[in-house]
Amino acid sequence: MTHTPHLSFEFFAAKTQQGAENLNVTASQLNRFNPELFSVTYGAGGSTRDTTKDLVLNLQNQGYQTAPHLSIGGDCKSDVLDLIDSYQKAGIKNLVALRGDLPSGVDATKKLVHANELVSLIREHSGDHFSINVGAYPEIHPESESYSNDIYWLGEKFRAGADRAITQYFYNPDAYFTFIESCAKTGIDKPIIPGIMPLTNYENLVRFSDNCGAEIPRWLRWQLKERSHNSADLISYGIEMVSELCEKLLAGGAPGFHFYTMNKWQISDQICRNLGFSAKD
């Protein structure tokens, strides 16, 4: 590599003591690549607010650069501002600002705040203290009215003060490159980091992708389904396929990667090594 691409990893808040211990190992292993940040997800409507906050502060106290996810969803403004204050006092410099989802059981007609409004709130409350990351959807958000409308709202997030975007995962590099070209035509010039989902479990990936609108190309579905009863074969194939995807993205000018780790380090570790990222072994 002639330059150092952006590298970050995403975790979710562990619900058990064993899960927390495993996550500490994962963070330690992946930190050898000197990532720019570890992001930590935030459940629908703040459903993991306390566990997310505890994990974020624990990682930060261990010396890792941590980026908590933040959304309004079903939360009230004062709760969000309290979280922002807590993170600022803890020395956290990065946030991931998302629209979020309503928690289960909440009236589906309740209006959600757009992510650009959350970005504006953070900027108004904390100035330039935080580097703000937002979401982007190369294959378009499943609730979007149109392709151009989705790009418009991404532009609104940047106009509100976001610094970079992290995409939903995808497996078709052309979807990303077409999206980047379309964004550039509207004046968007901030970094848009590809989100990368390692391939480890066929059933889980299909279920999650169908729910979030991420496209699994038909040829890839069949390749994964054929290997679904042989975990070692599926993982080996997945590492090779995702490594090739990342190589194509880098060659096409992608600024780096954000790995959705599912709180496991081994596969993300191998893909990073395949791509030439240096690890402190």
Protein backbone atom coordinates (compact mmCIF):
# COMPACT_ATOMS: atom_id res chain seq x y z
CA MET A 1 0.00 0.00 0.00
CA THR A 2 1.34 3.41 -0.95
CA HIS A 3 -0.91 5.10 1.60
CA THR A 4 -2.72 4.01 4.73
CA PRO A 5 -6.45 3.56 4.10
CA HIS A 6 -9.01 4.21 6.79
CA LEU A 7 -9.62 1.14 8.94
CA SER A 8 -12.29 0.70 11.61
CA PHE A 9 -14.21 -2.12 13.25
CA GLU A 10 -17.74 -2.35 14.58
CA PHE A 11 -18.92 -4.16 17.72
CA PHE A 12 -22.28 -4.64 19.39
CA ALA A 13 -22.86 -4.49 23.13
CA ALA A 14 -22.40 -7.96 24.65
CA LYS A 15 -25.28 -9.17 26.81
CA THR A 16 -23.40 -11.73 28.92
CA GLN A 17 -20.20 -11.79 30.96
CA GLN A 18 -18.70 -14.35 28.59
CA GLY A 19 -19.68 -12.19 25.64
CA ALA A 20 -17.99 -9.20 27.25
CA GLU A 21 -14.81 -11.20 27.86
CA ASN A 22 -14.80 -12.44 24.26
CA LEU A 23 -15.25 -8.88 23.03
CA ASN A 24 -12.26 -7.70 25.05
CA VAL A 25 -10.16 -10.35 23.26
CA THR A 26 -11.58 -9.27 19.89
CA ALA A 27 -10.75 -5.63 20.57
CA SER A 28 -7.22 -6.51 21.68
CA GLN A 29 -6.58 -8.63 18.58
CA LEU A 30 -7.95 -6.12 16.08
CA ASN A 31 -6.23 -3.19 17.76
CA ARG A 32 -2.96 -4.63 16.45
CA PHE A 33 -3.92 -3.10 13.10
CA ASN A 34 -3.99 0.36 14.71
CA PRO A 35 -7.55 1.14 13.52
CA GLU A 36 -8.84 4.67 13.47
CA LEU A 37 -11.72 3.67 15.70
CA PHE A 38 -13.93 0.95 17.15
CA SER A 39 -17.63 1.76 16.76
CA VAL A 40 -20.28 0.35 19.10
CA THR A 41 -23.89 -0.11 18.01
CA TYR A 42 -26.95 1.30 19.74
CA GLY A 43 -30.17 -0.73 19.82
CA ALA A 44 -33.51 0.44 18.42
CA GLY A 45 -34.81 3.36 20.42
CA GLY A 46 -31.84 3.17 22.78
CA SER A 47 -32.67 -0.40 23.82
CA THR A 48 -28.98 -1.06 24.57
CA ARG A 49 -28.23 2.46 25.79
CA ASP A 50 -26.69 1.49 29.13
CA THR A 51 -24.77 -1.55 27.89
CA THR A 52 -23.52 0.43 24.89
CA LYS A 53 -22.38 3.27 27.11
CA ASP A 54 -20.64 0.89 29.52
CA LEU A 55 -18.83 -0.86 26.67
CA VAL A 56 -17.84 2.43 25.04
CA LEU A 57 -16.36 3.79 28.27
CA ASN A 58 -14.61 0.49 29.01
CA LEU A 59 -12.97 0.44 25.58
CA GLN A 60 -12.05 4.11 25.85
CA ASN A 61 -10.49 3.52 29.28
CA GLN A 62 -8.34 0.77 27.77
CA GLY A 63 -6.88 3.33 25.39
CA TYR A 64 -8.88 2.45 22.27
CA GLN A 65 -10.36 5.15 20.04
CA THR A 66 -14.07 4.49 20.39
CA ALA A 67 -17.04 5.80 18.40
CA PRO A 68 -20.41 5.17 20.04
CA HIS A 69 -23.44 4.94 17.80
CA LEU A 70 -26.04 7.53 18.68
CA SER A 71 -29.62 7.79 17.50
CA ILE A 72 -32.80 9.48 18.61
CA GLY A 73 -35.32 6.87 17.51
CA GLY A 74 -37.74 6.72 20.44
CA ASP A 75 -35.43 8.64 22.81
CA CYS A 76 -36.10 12.11 24.12
CA LYS A 77 -33.74 14.96 23.30
CA SER A 78 -32.51 15.36 26.88
CA ASP A 79 -31.38 11.73 27.05
CA VAL A 80 -29.40 12.15 23.85
CA LEU A 81 -27.76 15.34 25.11
CA ASP A 82 -26.86 13.64 28.40
CA LEU A 83 -25.13 10.87 26.44
CA ILE A 84 -23.28 13.40 24.30
CA ASP A 85 -22.07 15.18 27.45
CA SER A 86 -20.94 11.89 29.01
CA TYR A 87 -18.96 10.94 25.93
CA GLN A 88 -17.36 14.36 25.64
CA LYS A 89 -16.29 14.29 29.29
CA ALA A 90 -14.78 10.83 28.75
CA GLY A 91 -12.56 12.22 25.99
CA ILE A 92 -14.34 10.46 23.15
CA LYS A 93 -13.72 12.22 19.84
CA ASN A 94 -15.88 10.23 17.39
CA LEU A 95 -19.60 9.55 17.09
CA VAL A 96 -21.72 7.61 14.62
CA ALA A 97 -24.97 9.56 14.19
CA LEU A 98 -27.88 7.54 12.83
CA ARG A 99 -31.59 8.04 12.45
CA GLY A 100 -32.15 4.80 14.34
CA ASP A 101 -35.26 2.66 14.57
CA LEU A 102 -38.23 2.69 16.86
CA PRO A 103 -38.08 0.08 19.62
CA SER A 104 -40.42 -2.91 19.45
CA GLY A 105 -43.91 -2.08 20.71
CA VAL A 106 -43.76 1.63 19.89
CA ASP A 107 -46.48 3.06 17.64
CA ALA A 108 -45.21 2.61 14.09
CA THR A 109 -46.79 5.92 13.05
CA LYS A 110 -44.45 7.84 15.38
CA LYS A 111 -42.26 10.13 13.31
CA LEU A 112 -38.53 9.49 13.37
CA VAL A 113 -36.03 12.33 13.31
CA HIS A 114 -33.83 12.42 10.20
CA ALA A 115 -30.13 11.80 10.86
CA ASN A 116 -29.22 15.29 9.62
CA GLU A 117 -31.25 16.73 12.50
CA LEU A 118 -29.22 14.64 14.95
CA VAL A 119 -25.98 15.84 13.34
CA SER A 120 -27.19 19.44 13.70
CA LEU A 121 -28.06 18.81 17.35
CA ILE A 122 -24.59 17.43 18.07
CA ARG A 123 -22.89 20.35 16.33
CA GLU A 124 -25.07 22.94 18.11
CA HIS A 125 -24.43 21.30 21.47
CA SER A 126 -20.75 20.34 21.20
CA GLY A 127 -19.31 22.42 18.38
CA ASP A 128 -16.40 20.75 16.62
CA HIS A 129 -15.43 18.45 19.49
CA PHE A 130 -16.61 15.31 17.69
CA SER A 131 -15.77 13.83 14.33
CA ILE A 132 -19.22 12.73 13.17
CA ASN A 133 -19.79 9.63 11.06
CA VAL A 134 -23.13 8.97 9.36
CA GLY A 135 -24.68 6.10 7.42
CA ALA A 136 -24.83 5.73 3.63
CA TYR A 137 -26.55 3.15 1.44
CA PRO A 138 -24.97 2.32 -1.94
CA GLU A 139 -27.92 0.06 -2.73
CA ILE A 140 -30.31 2.67 -1.26
CA HIS A 141 -32.07 2.63 2.08
CA PRO A 142 -35.07 0.25 2.00
CA GLU A 143 -37.41 3.07 3.08
CA SER A 144 -36.12 5.62 0.57
CA GLU A 145 -38.50 7.13 -1.98
CA SER A 146 -35.91 7.07 -4.76
CA TYR A 147 -32.20 6.80 -5.56
CA SER A 148 -31.79 10.56 -5.92
CA ASN A 149 -33.79 11.22 -2.76
CA ASP A 150 -31.50 8.97 -0.74
CA ILE A 151 -28.44 10.83 -2.03
CA TYR A 152 -30.13 14.13 -1.22
CA TRP A 153 -30.54 13.11 2.42
CA LEU A 154 -26.91 11.99 2.61
CA GLY A 155 -25.97 15.46 1.38
CA GLU A 156 -28.13 16.96 4.11
CA LYS A 157 -26.16 15.03 6.72
CA PHE A 158 -22.91 16.47 5.39
CA ARG A 159 -24.37 19.96 5.16
CA ALA A 160 -25.40 19.60 8.81
CA GLY A 161 -21.78 18.94 9.78
CA ALA A 162 -20.94 15.25 9.27
CA ASP A 163 -17.30 14.45 8.50
CA ARG A 164 -17.58 11.07 6.77
CA ALA A 165 -20.07 8.34 5.94
CA ILE A 166 -19.88 4.60 6.52
CA THR A 167 -21.91 2.46 4.16
CA GLN A 168 -24.22 -0.46 4.66
CA TYR A 169 -22.41 -3.61 3.55
CA PHE A 170 -22.64 -4.76 -0.06
CA TYR A 171 -21.05 -7.40 -2.27
CA ASN A 172 -21.22 -5.68 -5.66
CA PRO A 173 -18.39 -3.15 -6.06
CA ASP A 174 -20.20 -1.49 -8.97
CA ALA A 175 -22.99 -0.51 -6.60
CA TYR A 176 -20.46 1.42 -4.52
CA PHE A 177 -18.69 3.07 -7.45
CA THR A 178 -21.97 4.12 -9.09
CA PHE A 179 -23.11 5.55 -5.77
CA ILE A 180 -19.88 7.52 -5.33
CA GLU A 181 -20.18 8.96 -8.84
CA SER A 182 -23.79 9.96 -8.21
CA CYS A 183 -22.84 11.60 -4.91
CA ALA A 184 -20.00 13.53 -6.54
CA LYS A 185 -22.40 14.94 -9.14
CA THR A 186 -24.43 16.50 -6.31
CA GLY A 187 -21.33 18.08 -4.75
CA ILE A 188 -20.68 15.51 -2.02
CA ASP A 189 -16.91 15.33 -1.54
CA LYS A 190 -16.55 13.85 1.96
CA PRO A 191 -15.11 10.34 2.47
CA ILE A 192 -17.60 7.50 2.08
CA ILE A 193 -16.13 4.39 3.71
CA PRO A 194 -17.29 0.98 2.44
CA GLY A 195 -18.84 -1.18 5.16
CA ILE A 196 -17.57 -4.76 4.91
CA MET A 197 -19.45 -7.79 6.24
CA PRO A 198 -17.35 -10.98 6.38
CA LEU A 199 -19.14 -14.11 5.17
CA THR A 200 -19.48 -16.61 8.01
CA ASN A 201 -23.04 -17.95 8.21
CA TYR A 202 -25.39 -18.38 5.26
CA GLU A 203 -28.72 -18.41 7.10
CA ASN A 204 -27.92 -15.43 9.32
CA LEU A 205 -26.60 -13.37 6.41
CA VAL A 206 -29.67 -14.02 4.26
CA ARG A 207 -32.07 -13.19 7.08
CA PHE A 208 -30.24 -10.01 8.06
CA SER A 209 -29.76 -8.87 4.46
CA ASP A 210 -33.43 -9.37 3.62
CA ASN A 211 -34.38 -7.27 6.66
CA CYS A 212 -31.98 -4.38 6.02
CA GLY A 213 -32.14 -4.24 2.22
CA ALA A 214 -28.56 -5.31 1.53
CA GLU A 215 -28.38 -7.18 -1.77
CA ILE A 216 -26.71 -10.59 -1.97
CA PRO A 217 -26.12 -11.26 -5.69
CA ARG A 218 -27.90 -14.39 -6.85
CA TRP A 219 -24.65 -16.10 -7.82
CA LEU A 220 -23.25 -15.44 -4.36
CA ARG A 221 -26.36 -16.75 -2.61
CA TRP A 222 -25.95 -20.04 -4.46
CA GLN A 223 -22.23 -20.24 -3.71
CA LEU A 224 -22.91 -19.68 -0.01
CA LYS A 225 -25.90 -22.01 0.11
CA GLU A 226 -23.82 -24.79 -1.44
CA ARG A 227 -21.28 -24.39 1.36
CA SER A 228 -23.79 -23.75 4.16
CA HIS A 229 -23.36 -27.21 5.68
CA ASN A 230 -19.58 -27.01 5.70
CA SER A 231 -18.55 -24.14 7.94
CA ALA A 232 -14.83 -24.36 7.19
CA ASP A 233 -15.45 -24.33 3.43
CA LEU A 234 -17.87 -21.41 3.67
CA ILE A 235 -15.49 -19.35 5.79
CA SER A 236 -12.53 -20.08 3.52
CA TYR A 237 -14.55 -19.11 0.46
CA GLY A 238 -15.89 -16.02 2.24
CA ILE A 239 -12.42 -14.79 3.16
CA GLU A 240 -11.26 -15.16 -0.43
CA MET A 241 -14.36 -13.51 -1.90
CA VAL A 242 -14.45 -10.55 0.52
CA SER A 243 -10.69 -10.01 0.17
CA GLU A 244 -11.17 -9.77 -3.61
CA LEU A 245 -14.06 -7.35 -3.11
CA CYS A 246 -11.89 -5.12 -0.93
CA GLU A 247 -9.02 -5.23 -3.41
CA LYS A 248 -11.36 -4.04 -6.17
CA LEU A 249 -12.64 -1.26 -3.94
CA LEU A 250 -9.14 -0.07 -3.08
CA ALA A 251 -8.08 -0.20 -6.72
CA GLY A 252 -11.10 1.93 -7.60
CA GLY A 253 -10.24 4.60 -5.06
CA ALA A 254 -12.19 3.61 -1.93
CA PRO A 255 -10.73 5.45 1.09
CA GLY A 256 -10.64 2.40 3.37
CA PHE A 257 -12.91 -0.04 5.18
CA HIS A 258 -15.23 -0.40 8.14
CA PHE A 259 -15.61 -4.05 9.19
CA TYR A 260 -18.81 -5.37 10.74
CA THR A 261 -17.10 -7.90 12.99
CA MET A 262 -20.09 -9.49 14.78
CA ASN A 263 -17.74 -9.34 17.80
CA LYS A 264 -15.35 -11.90 16.29
CA TRP A 265 -11.80 -11.08 15.25
CA GLN A 266 -10.40 -14.02 13.30
CA ILE A 267 -11.95 -13.47 9.87
CA SER A 268 -11.59 -9.68 9.84
CA ASP A 269 -7.98 -10.23 10.93
CA GLN A 270 -7.28 -12.54 7.99
CA ILE A 271 -8.94 -10.26 5.45
CA CYS A 272 -6.92 -7.30 6.72
CA ARG A 273 -3.72 -9.33 6.41
CA ASN A 274 -4.70 -10.35 2.88
CA LEU A 275 -5.07 -6.67 2.04
CA GLY A 276 -1.63 -5.81 3.38
CA PHE A 277 -2.59 -4.04 6.58
CA SER A 278 0.27 -4.29 9.06
CA ALA A 279 -0.46 -5.92 12.42
CA LYS A 280 1.65 -5.49 15.56
CA ASP A 281 2.19 -9.19 16.30
